[in-house]
Amino acid sequence: MSEQADTKRLLIIDDMVDICALVASVAERCGFEVKTTVDPAAFRDIYRAFRPHVIILDLAIPDSDGIDLLRFLVDEGCTAKVLIMSGFPAGVQEAAKRLGEVRGLDMAETLPKPLRAAELRAILTRLRDAV
């Protein structure tokens, strides 16, 4: 298999461009091919075209929310690992994770904001190796 075929794809949606850039930078160093967006409509289009192995999803997104995007992923038959990243309290993040699991999504970990690069790198390495 070629190196290109082994590359894992990661899709990030967060309403903050700086967060997208930080996560993308760390993910690329972990060996992911990365696409980012701040726009829920673009997220849907990118998801369909890119078919990521891993998705990092912020729960607080203007004009939508992470729960709406989880529903979209369920409707699409998503098989990617989904990581919740949010500044919401841990209980809210865990509830969103459980909702995704109940609906059949492959929910990974939750990641609180503010992000710590070392923790993000460790999680992305685990996810890359698991898909």
N, C-alpha and C. Protein backbone atom coordinates (compact mmCIF):
# COMPACT_ATOMS: atom_id res chain seq x y z
N MET A 1 0.83 -1.17 0.00
CA MET A 1 0.00 0.00 0.00
C MET A 1 0.88 1.24 0.00
N SER A 2 0.47 2.26 -0.71
CA SER A 2 1.27 3.48 -0.75
C SER A 2 1.09 4.29 0.53
N GLU A 3 2.05 5.20 0.76
CA GLU A 3 1.95 6.07 1.92
C GLU A 3 0.68 6.90 1.86
N GLN A 4 0.31 7.37 0.66
CA GLN A 4 -0.90 8.17 0.49
C GLN A 4 -2.13 7.39 0.91
N ALA A 5 -2.21 6.11 0.57
CA ALA A 5 -3.36 5.29 0.92
C ALA A 5 -3.43 5.07 2.43
N ASP A 6 -2.31 5.14 3.13
CA ASP A 6 -2.28 4.95 4.57
C ASP A 6 -2.60 6.23 5.35
N THR A 7 -2.62 7.37 4.69
CA THR A 7 -2.86 8.63 5.37
C THR A 7 -4.28 8.68 5.89
N LYS A 8 -4.42 9.02 7.15
CA LYS A 8 -5.74 9.15 7.78
C LYS A 8 -6.24 10.57 7.60
N ARG A 9 -7.53 10.69 7.33
CA ARG A 9 -8.14 11.99 7.09
C ARG A 9 -8.89 12.47 8.35
N LEU A 10 -8.69 13.75 8.67
CA LEU A 10 -9.30 14.37 9.84
C LEU A 10 -10.05 15.62 9.42
N LEU A 11 -11.29 15.74 9.87
CA LEU A 11 -12.12 16.91 9.61
C LEU A 11 -12.40 17.60 10.94
N ILE A 12 -12.15 18.90 10.97
CA ILE A 12 -12.34 19.69 12.19
C ILE A 12 -13.38 20.77 11.92
N ILE A 13 -14.37 20.90 12.82
CA ILE A 13 -15.26 22.05 12.78
C ILE A 13 -15.23 22.71 14.14
N ASP A 14 -14.90 23.99 14.11
CA ASP A 14 -14.88 24.84 15.30
C ASP A 14 -15.17 26.25 14.82
N ASP A 15 -15.90 27.02 15.62
CA ASP A 15 -16.24 28.37 15.19
C ASP A 15 -15.08 29.35 15.31
N MET A 16 -13.97 28.90 15.88
CA MET A 16 -12.80 29.76 16.01
C MET A 16 -11.69 29.31 15.06
N VAL A 17 -11.34 30.18 14.12
CA VAL A 17 -10.33 29.86 13.12
C VAL A 17 -9.00 29.50 13.78
N ASP A 18 -8.65 30.20 14.86
CA ASP A 18 -7.38 29.92 15.55
C ASP A 18 -7.34 28.51 16.13
N ILE A 19 -8.46 28.06 16.66
CA ILE A 19 -8.53 26.69 17.20
C ILE A 19 -8.37 25.69 16.06
N CYS A 20 -9.06 25.93 14.96
CA CYS A 20 -8.92 25.05 13.79
C CYS A 20 -7.46 24.96 13.36
N ALA A 21 -6.80 26.10 13.30
CA ALA A 21 -5.40 26.13 12.85
C ALA A 21 -4.50 25.39 13.83
N LEU A 22 -4.71 25.58 15.12
CA LEU A 22 -3.90 24.88 16.12
C LEU A 22 -4.09 23.38 16.03
N VAL A 23 -5.34 22.94 16.00
CA VAL A 23 -5.61 21.50 15.93
C VAL A 23 -5.08 20.92 14.62
N ALA A 24 -5.26 21.64 13.52
CA ALA A 24 -4.75 21.16 12.23
C ALA A 24 -3.24 21.01 12.26
N SER A 25 -2.55 21.97 12.84
CA SER A 25 -1.09 21.91 12.92
C SER A 25 -0.62 20.69 13.70
N VAL A 26 -1.22 20.46 14.84
CA VAL A 26 -0.86 19.29 15.64
C VAL A 26 -1.21 18.00 14.89
N ALA A 27 -2.39 17.97 14.28
CA ALA A 27 -2.84 16.77 13.57
C ALA A 27 -1.94 16.45 12.38
N GLU A 28 -1.52 17.46 11.65
CA GLU A 28 -0.63 17.22 10.52
C GLU A 28 0.70 16.64 10.98
N ARG A 29 1.20 17.11 12.11
CA ARG A 29 2.44 16.55 12.66
C ARG A 29 2.24 15.11 13.15
N CYS A 30 0.98 14.74 13.42
CA CYS A 30 0.67 13.37 13.81
C CYS A 30 0.41 12.48 12.58
N GLY A 31 0.49 13.05 11.38
CA GLY A 31 0.36 12.27 10.17
C GLY A 31 -1.00 12.31 9.50
N PHE A 32 -1.90 13.17 9.94
CA PHE A 32 -3.22 13.29 9.33
C PHE A 32 -3.20 14.22 8.14
N GLU A 33 -4.06 13.94 7.17
CA GLU A 33 -4.45 14.91 6.16
C GLU A 33 -5.66 15.63 6.76
N VAL A 34 -5.63 16.96 6.78
CA VAL A 34 -6.62 17.71 7.56
C VAL A 34 -7.41 18.69 6.69
N LYS A 35 -8.70 18.76 6.97
CA LYS A 35 -9.58 19.81 6.43
C LYS A 35 -10.25 20.46 7.64
N THR A 36 -10.41 21.78 7.56
CA THR A 36 -11.07 22.50 8.65
C THR A 36 -12.17 23.39 8.10
N THR A 37 -13.12 23.71 8.96
CA THR A 37 -14.16 24.66 8.61
C THR A 37 -14.75 25.27 9.88
N VAL A 38 -15.29 26.46 9.71
CA VAL A 38 -16.02 27.12 10.79
C VAL A 38 -17.52 27.15 10.47
N ASP A 39 -17.89 26.64 9.31
CA ASP A 39 -19.25 26.75 8.78
C ASP A 39 -19.96 25.39 8.74
N PRO A 40 -21.12 25.28 9.40
CA PRO A 40 -21.84 23.99 9.41
C PRO A 40 -22.23 23.48 8.02
N ALA A 41 -22.65 24.37 7.12
CA ALA A 41 -23.01 23.92 5.76
C ALA A 41 -21.78 23.39 5.04
N ALA A 42 -20.67 24.09 5.18
CA ALA A 42 -19.43 23.62 4.57
C ALA A 42 -19.00 22.30 5.18
N PHE A 43 -19.21 22.13 6.49
CA PHE A 43 -18.87 20.87 7.16
C PHE A 43 -19.56 19.71 6.46
N ARG A 44 -20.83 19.88 6.18
CA ARG A 44 -21.61 18.80 5.54
C ARG A 44 -21.02 18.47 4.16
N ASP A 45 -20.73 19.49 3.39
CA ASP A 45 -20.17 19.28 2.05
C ASP A 45 -18.78 18.65 2.11
N ILE A 46 -17.94 19.16 3.00
CA ILE A 46 -16.58 18.61 3.14
C ILE A 46 -16.66 17.17 3.61
N TYR A 47 -17.53 16.89 4.56
CA TYR A 47 -17.67 15.51 5.05
C TYR A 47 -17.98 14.57 3.89
N ARG A 48 -18.94 14.93 3.08
CA ARG A 48 -19.35 14.05 1.97
C ARG A 48 -18.23 13.83 0.96
N ALA A 49 -17.45 14.86 0.69
CA ALA A 49 -16.38 14.76 -0.31
C ALA A 49 -15.11 14.14 0.26
N PHE A 50 -14.80 14.43 1.50
CA PHE A 50 -13.51 14.07 2.11
C PHE A 50 -13.53 12.70 2.78
N ARG A 51 -14.69 12.29 3.30
CA ARG A 51 -14.86 11.01 4.00
C ARG A 51 -13.77 10.79 5.05
N PRO A 52 -13.78 11.61 6.11
CA PRO A 52 -12.72 11.53 7.12
C PRO A 52 -12.77 10.25 7.94
N HIS A 53 -11.63 9.88 8.48
CA HIS A 53 -11.53 8.77 9.41
C HIS A 53 -11.83 9.23 10.83
N VAL A 54 -11.52 10.51 11.10
CA VAL A 54 -11.71 11.11 12.42
C VAL A 54 -12.33 12.50 12.23
N ILE A 55 -13.27 12.83 13.12
CA ILE A 55 -13.92 14.14 13.11
C ILE A 55 -13.77 14.76 14.50
N ILE A 56 -13.34 16.02 14.53
CA ILE A 56 -13.31 16.77 15.78
C ILE A 56 -14.40 17.83 15.68
N LEU A 57 -15.33 17.76 16.62
CA LEU A 57 -16.56 18.53 16.55
C LEU A 57 -16.73 19.42 17.78
N ASP A 58 -16.79 20.72 17.54
CA ASP A 58 -17.12 21.66 18.61
C ASP A 58 -18.63 21.63 18.82
N LEU A 59 -19.07 21.75 20.07
CA LEU A 59 -20.50 21.74 20.34
C LEU A 59 -21.16 23.09 20.13
N ALA A 60 -20.43 24.18 20.29
CA ALA A 60 -21.00 25.53 20.17
C ALA A 60 -20.58 26.15 18.85
N ILE A 61 -21.50 26.11 17.88
CA ILE A 61 -21.22 26.62 16.55
C ILE A 61 -22.37 27.54 16.15
N PRO A 62 -22.08 28.79 15.75
CA PRO A 62 -23.15 29.68 15.31
C PRO A 62 -23.93 29.09 14.14
N ASP A 63 -25.21 29.37 14.11
CA ASP A 63 -26.12 28.90 13.05
C ASP A 63 -26.33 27.40 13.07
N SER A 64 -25.88 26.72 14.10
CA SER A 64 -26.06 25.27 14.23
C SER A 64 -25.59 24.91 15.63
N ASP A 65 -25.39 23.66 15.88
CA ASP A 65 -24.73 23.23 17.10
C ASP A 65 -24.20 21.82 16.87
N GLY A 66 -23.37 21.38 17.77
CA GLY A 66 -22.77 20.07 17.62
C GLY A 66 -23.78 18.94 17.59
N ILE A 67 -24.88 19.08 18.32
CA ILE A 67 -25.90 18.03 18.34
C ILE A 67 -26.54 17.90 16.97
N ASP A 68 -26.82 19.02 16.33
CA ASP A 68 -27.37 18.99 14.97
C ASP A 68 -26.40 18.29 14.01
N LEU A 69 -25.11 18.56 14.19
CA LEU A 69 -24.12 17.92 13.32
C LEU A 69 -23.97 16.44 13.65
N LEU A 70 -24.14 16.06 14.91
CA LEU A 70 -24.15 14.63 15.24
C LEU A 70 -25.31 13.94 14.53
N ARG A 71 -26.48 14.58 14.52
CA ARG A 71 -27.64 14.01 13.80
C ARG A 71 -27.33 13.85 12.32
N PHE A 72 -26.71 14.86 11.73
CA PHE A 72 -26.30 14.78 10.33
C PHE A 72 -25.39 13.57 10.11
N LEU A 73 -24.40 13.38 10.98
CA LEU A 73 -23.47 12.26 10.84
C LEU A 73 -24.20 10.92 10.95
N VAL A 74 -25.17 10.83 11.85
CA VAL A 74 -25.97 9.60 11.97
C VAL A 74 -26.71 9.35 10.66
N ASP A 75 -27.37 10.39 10.14
CA ASP A 75 -28.13 10.25 8.89
C ASP A 75 -27.24 9.86 7.72
N GLU A 76 -25.97 10.27 7.75
CA GLU A 76 -25.03 9.95 6.68
C GLU A 76 -24.41 8.55 6.84
N GLY A 77 -24.71 7.87 7.95
CA GLY A 77 -24.10 6.56 8.19
C GLY A 77 -22.62 6.67 8.49
N CYS A 78 -22.23 7.73 9.16
CA CYS A 78 -20.82 8.00 9.46
C CYS A 78 -20.17 6.85 10.23
N THR A 79 -18.98 6.45 9.78
CA THR A 79 -18.21 5.42 10.48
C THR A 79 -16.92 5.99 11.09
N ALA A 80 -16.72 7.29 10.93
CA ALA A 80 -15.52 7.94 11.49
C ALA A 80 -15.60 7.96 13.01
N LYS A 81 -14.44 8.03 13.64
CA LYS A 81 -14.39 8.28 15.07
C LYS A 81 -14.67 9.76 15.28
N VAL A 82 -15.56 10.07 16.23
CA VAL A 82 -15.97 11.45 16.48
C VAL A 82 -15.49 11.86 17.86
N LEU A 83 -14.74 12.94 17.90
CA LEU A 83 -14.23 13.49 19.15
C LEU A 83 -14.95 14.81 19.41
N ILE A 84 -15.53 14.93 20.61
CA ILE A 84 -16.18 16.17 21.02
C ILE A 84 -15.12 17.08 21.64
N MET A 85 -15.03 18.31 21.14
CA MET A 85 -14.11 19.32 21.68
C MET A 85 -14.95 20.53 22.03
N SER A 86 -14.89 20.95 23.30
CA SER A 86 -15.78 22.04 23.68
C SER A 86 -15.33 22.72 24.96
N GLY A 87 -15.77 23.95 25.10
CA GLY A 87 -15.58 24.69 26.34
C GLY A 87 -16.74 24.48 27.29
N PHE A 88 -17.77 23.74 26.86
CA PHE A 88 -18.88 23.43 27.76
C PHE A 88 -18.39 22.55 28.91
N PRO A 89 -19.12 22.54 30.02
CA PRO A 89 -18.73 21.68 31.14
C PRO A 89 -18.65 20.21 30.73
N ALA A 90 -17.85 19.45 31.47
CA ALA A 90 -17.62 18.04 31.16
C ALA A 90 -18.93 17.25 31.06
N GLY A 91 -19.89 17.57 31.91
CA GLY A 91 -21.17 16.85 31.87
C GLY A 91 -21.90 17.03 30.55
N VAL A 92 -21.84 18.21 29.98
CA VAL A 92 -22.47 18.48 28.69
C VAL A 92 -21.74 17.71 27.59
N GLN A 93 -20.41 17.71 27.65
CA GLN A 93 -19.63 16.98 26.66
C GLN A 93 -19.94 15.48 26.73
N GLU A 94 -20.01 14.95 27.93
CA GLU A 94 -20.31 13.51 28.11
C GLU A 94 -21.71 13.18 27.63
N ALA A 95 -22.68 14.08 27.86
CA ALA A 95 -24.05 13.85 27.38
C ALA A 95 -24.08 13.81 25.86
N ALA A 96 -23.36 14.71 25.22
CA ALA A 96 -23.29 14.70 23.75
C ALA A 96 -22.64 13.42 23.26
N LYS A 97 -21.58 12.99 23.94
CA LYS A 97 -20.91 11.74 23.57
C LYS A 97 -21.86 10.56 23.70
N ARG A 98 -22.59 10.50 24.79
CA ARG A 98 -23.55 9.39 24.99
C ARG A 98 -24.64 9.41 23.92
N LEU A 99 -25.12 10.61 23.58
CA LEU A 99 -26.13 10.72 22.54
C LEU A 99 -25.61 10.15 21.23
N GLY A 100 -24.39 10.51 20.87
CA GLY A 100 -23.79 9.96 19.65
C GLY A 100 -23.67 8.45 19.70
N GLU A 101 -23.25 7.93 20.84
CA GLU A 101 -23.12 6.47 20.99
C GLU A 101 -24.46 5.78 20.84
N VAL A 102 -25.50 6.33 21.49
CA VAL A 102 -26.83 5.74 21.42
C VAL A 102 -27.34 5.74 19.98
N ARG A 103 -26.98 6.76 19.23
CA ARG A 103 -27.42 6.86 17.84
C ARG A 103 -26.53 6.06 16.87
N GLY A 104 -25.50 5.38 17.39
CA GLY A 104 -24.69 4.49 16.58
C GLY A 104 -23.38 5.05 16.07
N LEU A 105 -23.01 6.25 16.51
CA LEU A 105 -21.72 6.82 16.09
C LEU A 105 -20.58 6.22 16.90
N ASP A 106 -19.41 6.20 16.30
CA ASP A 106 -18.19 5.73 16.98
C ASP A 106 -17.57 6.93 17.70
N MET A 107 -18.05 7.16 18.90
CA MET A 107 -17.62 8.33 19.66
C MET A 107 -16.29 8.03 20.36
N ALA A 108 -15.36 8.93 20.16
CA ALA A 108 -14.05 8.82 20.79
C ALA A 108 -14.10 9.60 22.11
N GLU A 109 -13.03 10.20 22.44
CA GLU A 109 -12.92 10.93 23.69
C GLU A 109 -13.57 12.30 23.61
N THR A 110 -13.61 12.97 24.75
CA THR A 110 -13.98 14.38 24.78
C THR A 110 -12.72 15.16 25.11
N LEU A 111 -12.66 16.37 24.60
CA LEU A 111 -11.47 17.20 24.78
C LEU A 111 -11.91 18.58 25.23
N PRO A 112 -11.61 18.95 26.48
CA PRO A 112 -12.03 20.26 26.96
C PRO A 112 -11.17 21.39 26.41
N LYS A 113 -11.81 22.54 26.26
CA LYS A 113 -11.08 23.77 25.94
C LYS A 113 -10.86 24.50 27.25
N PRO A 114 -9.78 25.20 27.45
CA PRO A 114 -8.73 25.44 26.48
C PRO A 114 -7.91 24.17 26.24
N LEU A 115 -7.42 24.06 25.01
CA LEU A 115 -6.67 22.87 24.59
C LEU A 115 -5.26 22.90 25.16
N ARG A 116 -4.76 21.70 25.43
CA ARG A 116 -3.35 21.53 25.78
C ARG A 116 -2.74 20.69 24.66
N ALA A 117 -1.72 21.23 24.01
CA ALA A 117 -1.14 20.60 22.82
C ALA A 117 -0.67 19.18 23.09
N ALA A 118 -0.05 18.93 24.23
CA ALA A 118 0.45 17.58 24.53
C ALA A 118 -0.71 16.59 24.64
N GLU A 119 -1.80 17.00 25.28
CA GLU A 119 -2.97 16.12 25.40
C GLU A 119 -3.59 15.88 24.03
N LEU A 120 -3.72 16.94 23.24
CA LEU A 120 -4.26 16.81 21.90
C LEU A 120 -3.42 15.86 21.06
N ARG A 121 -2.11 16.02 21.11
CA ARG A 121 -1.20 15.16 20.34
C ARG A 121 -1.37 13.69 20.75
N ALA A 122 -1.47 13.43 22.05
CA ALA A 122 -1.63 12.05 22.54
C ALA A 122 -2.95 11.45 22.05
N ILE A 123 -4.02 12.23 22.12
CA ILE A 123 -5.33 11.74 21.66
C ILE A 123 -5.30 11.49 20.16
N LEU A 124 -4.76 12.41 19.39
CA LEU A 124 -4.72 12.24 17.93
C LEU A 124 -3.87 11.04 17.54
N THR A 125 -2.79 10.81 18.23
CA THR A 125 -1.96 9.63 17.95
C THR A 125 -2.74 8.35 18.21
N ARG A 126 -3.47 8.31 19.32
CA ARG A 126 -4.31 7.13 19.62
C ARG A 126 -5.37 6.92 18.55
N LEU A 127 -6.03 8.00 18.16
CA LEU A 127 -7.09 7.89 17.15
C LEU A 127 -6.51 7.46 15.80
N ARG A 128 -5.39 8.05 15.43
CA ARG A 128 -4.75 7.68 14.15
C ARG A 128 -4.45 6.19 14.12
N ASP A 129 -3.93 5.67 15.23
CA ASP A 129 -3.55 4.27 15.29
C ASP A 129 -4.76 3.34 15.37
N ALA A 130 -5.92 3.88 15.77
CA ALA A 130 -7.13 3.07 15.95
C ALA A 130 -7.98 2.96 14.69
N VAL A 131 -7.69 3.80 13.69
CA VAL A 131 -8.52 3.76 12.47
C VAL A 131 -7.76 3.19 11.30
